């Protein structure tokens, strides 16, 4: 999925983009969760139900959708 045909950028550049986006994305996500909880977390990070898509998968799918104009339903797992 990280191939140039799907994303439109080289793997090296993709790695740089992900490194640049990971910190702000995680900070925003944690801020939103803390705002929703209205307190600090009670359990350690990573505890609980695992996320369906990790950050890198989200970035790759976003780039593929933007580049190929693939409908979201086509990227969803088959039932």
PDB file of N, CA and C in Angstrom:
ATOM      1  N   UNK A   1       0.826  -1.190   0.000  1.00  0.00           N
ATOM      2  CA  UNK A   1       0.000   0.000   0.000  1.00  0.00           C
ATOM      3  C   UNK A   1       0.874   1.260   0.000  1.00  0.00           C
ATOM      4  N   UNK A   2       2.114   1.160   0.401  1.00  0.00           N
ATOM      5  CA  UNK A   2       2.982   2.341   0.423  1.00  0.00           C
ATOM      6  C   UNK A   2       3.677   2.566  -0.910  1.00  0.00           C
ATOM      7  N   UNK A   3       3.298   1.818  -1.931  1.00  0.00           N
ATOM      8  CA  UNK A   3       3.901   1.962  -3.255  1.00  0.00           C
ATOM      9  C   UNK A   3       3.543   3.318  -3.856  1.00  0.00           C
ATOM     10  N   UNK A   4       4.445   3.837  -4.674  1.00  0.00           N
ATOM     11  CA  UNK A   4       4.265   5.141  -5.311  1.00  0.00           C
ATOM     12  C   UNK A   4       2.946   5.223  -6.085  1.00  0.00           C
ATOM     13  N   UNK A   5       2.525   4.132  -6.698  1.00  0.00           N
ATOM     14  CA  UNK A   5       1.288   4.134  -7.483  1.00  0.00           C
ATOM     15  C   UNK A   5       0.067   4.453  -6.623  1.00  0.00           C
ATOM     16  N   UNK A   6       0.091   4.064  -5.360  1.00  0.00           N
ATOM     17  CA  UNK A   6      -1.032   4.332  -4.464  1.00  0.00           C
ATOM     18  C   UNK A   6      -0.943   5.698  -3.801  1.00  0.00           C
ATOM     19  N   UNK A   7       0.249   6.089  -3.374  1.00  0.00           N
ATOM     20  CA  UNK A   7       0.390   7.300  -2.566  1.00  0.00           C
ATOM     21  C   UNK A   7       0.793   8.526  -3.364  1.00  0.00           C
ATOM     22  N   UNK A   8       1.533   8.345  -4.443  1.00  0.00           N
ATOM     23  CA  UNK A   8       1.996   9.471  -5.243  1.00  0.00           C
ATOM     24  C   UNK A   8       3.286  10.087  -4.741  1.00  0.00           C
ATOM     25  N   UNK A   9       3.869   9.521  -3.684  1.00  0.00           N
ATOM     26  CA  UNK A   9       5.149  10.025  -3.167  1.00  0.00           C
ATOM     27  C   UNK A   9       6.080   8.842  -2.905  1.00  0.00           C
ATOM     28  N   UNK A  10       7.376   9.123  -2.910  1.00  0.00           N
ATOM     29  CA  UNK A  10       8.351   8.050  -2.695  1.00  0.00           C
ATOM     30  C   UNK A  10       8.281   7.543  -1.255  1.00  0.00           C
ATOM     31  N   UNK A  11       8.784   6.351  -1.042  1.00  0.00           N
ATOM     32  CA  UNK A  11       8.764   5.779   0.317  1.00  0.00           C
ATOM     33  C   UNK A  11       9.608   6.594   1.285  1.00  0.00           C
ATOM     34  N   UNK A  12      10.712   7.144   0.786  1.00  0.00           N
ATOM     35  CA  UNK A  12      11.549   7.987   1.640  1.00  0.00           C
ATOM     36  C   UNK A  12      10.777   9.227   2.088  1.00  0.00           C
ATOM     37  N   UNK A  13      10.138   9.888   1.144  1.00  0.00           N
ATOM     38  CA  UNK A  13       9.354  11.075   1.469  1.00  0.00           C
ATOM     39  C   UNK A  13       8.164  10.705   2.360  1.00  0.00           C
ATOM     40  N   UNK A  14       7.553   9.568   2.108  1.00  0.00           N
ATOM     41  CA  UNK A  14       6.446   9.100   2.934  1.00  0.00           C
ATOM     42  C   UNK A  14       6.889   8.913   4.385  1.00  0.00           C
ATOM     43  N   UNK A  15       8.080   8.351   4.583  1.00  0.00           N
ATOM     44  CA  UNK A  15       8.611   8.190   5.941  1.00  0.00           C
ATOM     45  C   UNK A  15       8.814   9.524   6.625  1.00  0.00           C
ATOM     46  N   UNK A  16       9.290  10.514   5.879  1.00  0.00           N
ATOM     47  CA  UNK A  16       9.469  11.850   6.451  1.00  0.00           C
ATOM     48  C   UNK A  16       8.125  12.481   6.804  1.00  0.00           C
ATOM     49  N   UNK A  17       7.147  12.315   5.930  1.00  0.00           N
ATOM     50  CA  UNK A  17       5.815  12.869   6.190  1.00  0.00           C
ATOM     51  C   UNK A  17       5.220  12.247   7.449  1.00  0.00           C
ATOM     52  N   UNK A  18       5.345  10.937   7.568  1.00  0.00           N
ATOM     53  CA  UNK A  18       4.797  10.262   8.744  1.00  0.00           C
ATOM     54  C   UNK A  18       5.513  10.690  10.018  1.00  0.00           C
ATOM     55  N   UNK A  19       6.822  10.855   9.935  1.00  0.00           N
ATOM     56  CA  UNK A  19       7.572  11.302  11.112  1.00  0.00           C
ATOM     57  C   UNK A  19       7.152  12.715  11.516  1.00  0.00           C
ATOM     58  N   UNK A  20       6.897  13.575  10.525  1.00  0.00           N
ATOM     59  CA  UNK A  20       6.474  14.943  10.811  1.00  0.00           C
ATOM     60  C   UNK A  20       5.059  15.005  11.369  1.00  0.00           C
ATOM     61  N   UNK A  21       4.188  14.122  10.926  1.00  0.00           N
ATOM     62  CA  UNK A  21       2.786  14.160  11.346  1.00  0.00           C
ATOM     63  C   UNK A  21       2.503  13.397  12.636  1.00  0.00           C
ATOM     64  N   UNK A  22       3.313  12.423  12.966  1.00  0.00           N
ATOM     65  CA  UNK A  22       3.020  11.533  14.096  1.00  0.00           C
ATOM     66  C   UNK A  22       2.918  12.280  15.423  1.00  0.00           C
ATOM     67  N   UNK A  23       3.847  13.162  15.718  1.00  0.00           N
ATOM     68  CA  UNK A  23       3.821  13.884  16.991  1.00  0.00           C
ATOM     69  C   UNK A  23       2.587  14.755  17.161  1.00  0.00           C
ATOM     70  N   UNK A  24       2.301  15.661  16.211  1.00  0.00           N
ATOM     71  CA  UNK A  24       1.094  16.491  16.338  1.00  0.00           C
ATOM     72  C   UNK A  24      -0.202  15.675  16.344  1.00  0.00           C
ATOM     73  N   UNK A  25      -0.255  14.586  15.553  1.00  0.00           N
ATOM     74  CA  UNK A  25      -1.461  13.764  15.521  1.00  0.00           C
ATOM     75  C   UNK A  25      -1.697  13.113  16.881  1.00  0.00           C
ATOM     76  N   UNK A  26      -0.634  12.557  17.464  1.00  0.00           N
ATOM     77  CA  UNK A  26      -0.767  11.901  18.764  1.00  0.00           C
ATOM     78  C   UNK A  26      -1.131  12.912  19.846  1.00  0.00           C
ATOM     79  N   UNK A  27      -0.541  14.095  19.808  1.00  0.00           N
ATOM     80  CA  UNK A  27      -0.853  15.127  20.800  1.00  0.00           C
ATOM     81  C   UNK A  27      -2.310  15.555  20.680  1.00  0.00           C
ATOM     82  N   UNK A  28      -2.791  15.744  19.455  1.00  0.00           N
ATOM     83  CA  UNK A  28      -4.187  16.150  19.252  1.00  0.00           C
ATOM     84  C   UNK A  28      -5.136  15.057  19.688  1.00  0.00           C
ATOM     85  N   UNK A  29      -4.786  13.817  19.370  1.00  0.00           N
ATOM     86  CA  UNK A  29      -5.640  12.698  19.770  1.00  0.00           C
ATOM     87  C   UNK A  29      -5.725  12.592  21.290  1.00  0.00           C
ATOM     88  N   UNK A  30      -4.580  12.684  21.947  1.00  0.00           N
ATOM     89  CA  UNK A  30      -4.557  12.590  23.408  1.00  0.00           C
ATOM     90  C   UNK A  30      -5.304  13.756  24.041  1.00  0.00           C
ATOM     91  N   UNK A  31      -5.162  14.947  23.470  1.00  0.00           N
ATOM     92  CA  UNK A  31      -5.869  16.117  23.976  1.00  0.00           C
ATOM     93  C   UNK A  31      -7.380  15.932  23.860  1.00  0.00           C
ATOM     94  N   UNK A  32      -7.816  15.404  22.724  1.00  0.00           N
ATOM     95  CA  UNK A  32      -9.246  15.153  22.539  1.00  0.00           C
ATOM     96  C   UNK A  32      -9.776  14.117  23.499  1.00  0.00           C
ATOM     97  N   UNK A  33      -8.999  13.068  23.730  1.00  0.00           N
ATOM     98  CA  UNK A  33      -9.419  12.043  24.684  1.00  0.00           C
ATOM     99  C   UNK A  33      -9.481  12.594  26.095  1.00  0.00           C
ATOM    100  N   UNK A  34      -8.495  13.405  26.470  1.00  0.00           N
ATOM    101  CA  UNK A  34      -8.479  13.979  27.817  1.00  0.00           C
ATOM    102  C   UNK A  34      -9.646  14.950  27.993  1.00  0.00           C
ATOM    103  N   UNK A  35      -9.958  15.702  26.962  1.00  0.00           N
ATOM    104  CA  UNK A  35     -11.088  16.628  27.032  1.00  0.00           C
ATOM    105  C   UNK A  35     -12.393  15.858  27.191  1.00  0.00           C
ATOM    106  N   UNK A  36     -12.512  14.753  26.488  1.00  0.00           N
ATOM    107  CA  UNK A  36     -13.716  13.932  26.588  1.00  0.00           C
ATOM    108  C   UNK A  36     -13.834  13.272  27.960  1.00  0.00           C
ATOM    109  N   UNK A  37     -12.684  12.838  28.513  1.00  0.00           N
ATOM    110  CA  UNK A  37     -12.693  12.196  29.839  1.00  0.00           C
ATOM    111  C   UNK A  37     -12.825  13.201  30.968  1.00  0.00           C
ATOM    112  N   UNK A  38     -12.347  14.420  30.715  1.00  0.00           N
ATOM    113  CA  UNK A  38     -12.329  15.502  31.716  1.00  0.00           C
ATOM    114  C   UNK A  38     -11.395  15.196  32.893  1.00  0.00           C
ATOM    115  N   UNK A  39     -10.394  14.345  32.637  1.00  0.00           N
ATOM    116  CA  UNK A  39      -9.363  14.049  33.646  1.00  0.00           C
ATOM    117  C   UNK A  39      -8.221  13.325  32.951  1.00  0.00           C
ATOM    118  N   UNK A  40      -7.136  13.084  33.676  1.00  0.00           N
ATOM    119  CA  UNK A  40      -6.024  12.307  33.127  1.00  0.00           C
ATOM    120  C   UNK A  40      -6.461  10.855  32.991  1.00  0.00           C
ATOM    121  N   UNK A  41      -5.721  10.131  32.161  1.00  0.00           N
ATOM    122  CA  UNK A  41      -6.073   8.727  31.953  1.00  0.00           C
ATOM    123  C   UNK A  41      -5.852   7.916  33.219  1.00  0.00           C
ATOM    124  N   UNK A  42      -6.682   6.890  33.416  1.00  0.00           N
ATOM    125  CA  UNK A  42      -6.576   6.019  34.575  1.00  0.00           C
ATOM    126  C   UNK A  42      -5.712   4.798  34.286  1.00  0.00           C
ATOM    127  N   UNK A  43      -5.724   4.325  33.039  1.00  0.00           N
ATOM    128  CA  UNK A  43      -4.933   3.171  32.651  1.00  0.00           C
ATOM    129  C   UNK A  43      -3.775   3.617  31.777  1.00  0.00           C
ATOM    130  N   UNK A  44      -2.795   2.772  31.668  1.00  0.00           N
ATOM    131  CA  UNK A  44      -1.627   3.077  30.835  1.00  0.00           C
ATOM    132  C   UNK A  44      -2.030   3.132  29.366  1.00  0.00           C
ATOM    133  N   UNK A  45      -1.297   3.926  28.595  1.00  0.00           N
ATOM    134  CA  UNK A  45      -1.569   4.012  27.165  1.00  0.00           C
ATOM    135  C   UNK A  45      -1.360   2.651  26.531  1.00  0.00           C
ATOM    136  N   UNK A  46      -2.261   2.276  25.648  1.00  0.00           N
ATOM    137  CA  UNK A  46      -2.191   0.977  25.004  1.00  0.00           C
ATOM    138  C   UNK A  46      -3.073  -0.059  25.675  1.00  0.00           C
ATOM    139  N   UNK A  47      -3.561   0.234  26.876  1.00  0.00           N
ATOM    140  CA  UNK A  47      -4.458  -0.691  27.550  1.00  0.00           C
ATOM    141  C   UNK A  47      -5.837  -0.579  26.902  1.00  0.00           C
ATOM    142  N   UNK A  48      -6.594  -1.633  26.973  1.00  0.00           N
ATOM    143  CA  UNK A  48      -7.931  -1.603  26.417  1.00  0.00           C
ATOM    144  C   UNK A  48      -7.981  -2.183  25.010  1.00  0.00           C
ATOM    145  N   UNK A  49      -9.074  -1.915  24.342  1.00  0.00           N
ATOM    146  CA  UNK A  49      -9.320  -2.464  23.014  1.00  0.00           C
ATOM    147  C   UNK A  49      -8.330  -1.876  22.008  1.00  0.00           C
ATOM    148  N   UNK A  50      -7.716  -2.723  21.180  1.00  0.00           N
ATOM    149  CA  UNK A  50      -6.746  -2.207  20.197  1.00  0.00           C
ATOM    150  C   UNK A  50      -7.450  -1.397  19.101  1.00  0.00           C
ATOM    151  N   UNK A  51      -6.753  -0.395  18.583  1.00  0.00           N
ATOM    152  CA  UNK A  51      -7.302   0.401  17.492  1.00  0.00           C
ATOM    153  C   UNK A  51      -7.412  -0.458  16.246  1.00  0.00           C
ATOM    154  N   UNK A  52      -8.412  -0.163  15.427  1.00  0.00           N
ATOM    155  CA  UNK A  52      -8.578  -0.915  14.188  1.00  0.00           C
ATOM    156  C   UNK A  52      -7.491  -0.553  13.189  1.00  0.00           C
ATOM    157  N   UNK A  53      -7.166   0.740  13.083  1.00  0.00           N
ATOM    158  CA  UNK A  53      -6.127   1.192  12.165  1.00  0.00           C
ATOM    159  C   UNK A  53      -5.108   2.020  12.930  1.00  0.00           C
ATOM    160  N   UNK A  54      -3.856   1.668  12.795  1.00  0.00           N
ATOM    161  CA  UNK A  54      -2.802   2.446  13.425  1.00  0.00           C
ATOM    162  C   UNK A  54      -2.532   3.686  12.582  1.00  0.00           C
ATOM    163  N   UNK A  55      -1.748   4.600  13.104  1.00  0.00           N
ATOM    164  CA  UNK A  55      -1.497   5.886  12.458  1.00  0.00           C
ATOM    165  C   UNK A  55      -0.981   5.727  11.030  1.00  0.00           C
ATOM    166  N   UNK A  56      -0.006   4.850  10.825  1.00  0.00           N
ATOM    167  CA  UNK A  56       0.572   4.708   9.486  1.00  0.00           C
ATOM    168  C   UNK A  56      -0.463   4.206   8.482  1.00  0.00           C
ATOM    169  N   UNK A  57      -1.335   3.286   8.908  1.00  0.00           N
ATOM    170  CA  UNK A  57      -2.388   2.794   8.025  1.00  0.00           C
ATOM    171  C   UNK A  57      -3.363   3.912   7.668  1.00  0.00           C
ATOM    172  N   UNK A  58      -3.662   4.771   8.630  1.00  0.00           N
ATOM    173  CA  UNK A  58      -4.572   5.893   8.367  1.00  0.00           C
ATOM    174  C   UNK A  58      -3.984   6.850   7.332  1.00  0.00           C
ATOM    175  N   UNK A  59      -2.685   7.135   7.460  1.00  0.00           N
ATOM    176  CA  UNK A  59      -2.030   8.036   6.502  1.00  0.00           C
ATOM    177  C   UNK A  59      -2.020   7.413   5.114  1.00  0.00           C
ATOM    178  N   UNK A  60      -1.664   6.132   5.022  1.00  0.00           N
ATOM    179  CA  UNK A  60      -1.623   5.460   3.724  1.00  0.00           C
ATOM    180  C   UNK A  60      -2.997   5.425   3.058  1.00  0.00           C
ATOM    181  N   UNK A  61      -4.027   5.116   3.815  1.00  0.00           N
ATOM    182  CA  UNK A  61      -5.371   5.084   3.242  1.00  0.00           C
ATOM    183  C   UNK A  61      -5.831   6.469   2.811  1.00  0.00           C
ATOM    184  N   UNK A  62      -5.498   7.479   3.588  1.00  0.00           N
ATOM    185  CA  UNK A  62      -5.862   8.843   3.220  1.00  0.00           C
ATOM    186  C   UNK A  62      -5.201   9.243   1.911  1.00  0.00           C
ATOM    187  N   UNK A  63      -3.912   8.955   1.776  1.00  0.00           N
ATOM    188  CA  UNK A  63      -3.208   9.280   0.531  1.00  0.00           C
ATOM    189  C   UNK A  63      -3.777   8.505  -0.661  1.00  0.00           C
ATOM    190  N   UNK A  64      -4.114   7.241  -0.453  1.00  0.00           N
ATOM    191  CA  UNK A  64      -4.676   6.442  -1.536  1.00  0.00           C
ATOM    192  C   UNK A  64      -6.037   6.981  -1.965  1.00  0.00           C
ATOM    193  N   UNK A  65      -6.864   7.351  -1.018  1.00  0.00           N
ATOM    194  CA  UNK A  65      -8.183   7.904  -1.343  1.00  0.00           C
ATOM    195  C   UNK A  65      -8.043   9.216  -2.091  1.00  0.00           C
ATOM    196  N   UNK A  66      -7.150  10.081  -1.628  1.00  0.00           N
ATOM    197  CA  UNK A  66      -6.965  11.369  -2.287  1.00  0.00           C
ATOM    198  C   UNK A  66      -6.376  11.213  -3.687  1.00  0.00           C
ATOM    199  N   UNK A  67      -5.462  10.280  -3.850  1.00  0.00           N
ATOM    200  CA  UNK A  67      -4.802  10.117  -5.154  1.00  0.00           C
ATOM    201  C   UNK A  67      -5.681   9.387  -6.160  1.00  0.00           C
ATOM    202  N   UNK A  68      -6.321   8.312  -5.732  1.00  0.00           N
ATOM    203  CA  UNK A  68      -7.055   7.452  -6.650  1.00  0.00           C
ATOM    204  C   UNK A  68      -8.551   7.731  -6.693  1.00  0.00           C
ATOM    205  N   UNK A  69      -9.037   8.583  -5.803  1.00  0.00           N
ATOM    206  CA  UNK A  69     -10.467   8.883  -5.713  1.00  0.00           C
ATOM    207  C   UNK A  69     -11.290   7.601  -5.512  1.00  0.00           C
ATOM    208  N   UNK A  70     -10.766   6.709  -4.674  1.00  0.00           N
ATOM    209  CA  UNK A  70     -11.444   5.448  -4.376  1.00  0.00           C
ATOM    210  C   UNK A  70     -12.517   5.723  -3.329  1.00  0.00           C
ATOM    211  N   UNK A  71     -13.730   5.222  -3.534  1.00  0.00           N
ATOM    212  CA  UNK A  71     -14.766   5.410  -2.515  1.00  0.00           C
ATOM    213  C   UNK A  71     -14.381   4.703  -1.213  1.00  0.00           C
ATOM    214  N   UNK A  72     -14.755   5.266  -0.111  1.00  0.00           N
ATOM    215  CA  UNK A  72     -14.423   4.682   1.190  1.00  0.00           C
ATOM    216  C   UNK A  72     -14.993   3.266   1.317  1.00  0.00           C
ATOM    217  N   UNK A  73     -16.150   3.026   0.749  1.00  0.00           N
ATOM    218  CA  UNK A  73     -16.777   1.698   0.842  1.00  0.00           C
ATOM    219  C   UNK A  73     -15.906   0.642   0.172  1.00  0.00           C
ATOM    220  N   UNK A  74     -15.157   1.020  -0.863  1.00  0.00           N
ATOM    221  CA  UNK A  74     -14.298   0.051  -1.548  1.00  0.00           C
ATOM    222  C   UNK A  74     -13.102  -0.337  -0.708  1.00  0.00           C
ATOM    223  N   UNK A  75     -12.702   0.525   0.225  1.00  0.00           N
ATOM    224  CA  UNK A  75     -11.547   0.230   1.085  1.00  0.00           C
ATOM    225  C   UNK A  75     -11.947  -0.499   2.365  1.00  0.00           C
ATOM    226  N   UNK A  76     -13.230  -0.543   2.655  1.00  0.00           N
ATOM    227  CA  UNK A  76     -13.705  -1.203   3.873  1.00  0.00           C
ATOM    228  C   UNK A  76     -13.524  -2.710   3.765  1.00  0.00           C
ATOM    229  N   UNK A  77     -13.272  -3.364   4.901  1.00  0.00           N
ATOM    230  CA  UNK A  77     -13.134  -4.831   4.864  1.00  0.00           C
ATOM    231  C   UNK A  77     -14.461  -5.478   4.465  1.00  0.00           C
ATOM    232  N   UNK A  78     -14.366  -6.568   3.750  1.00  0.00           N
ATOM    233  CA  UNK A  78     -15.571  -7.296   3.330  1.00  0.00           C
ATOM    234  C   UNK A  78     -16.199  -7.974   4.545  1.00  0.00           C
ATOM    235  N   UNK A  79     -17.528  -7.993   4.611  1.00  0.00           N
ATOM    236  CA  UNK A  79     -18.195  -8.635   5.772  1.00  0.00           C
ATOM    237  C   UNK A  79     -18.093 -10.126   5.757  1.00  0.00           C
TER     238      UNK A  79
END
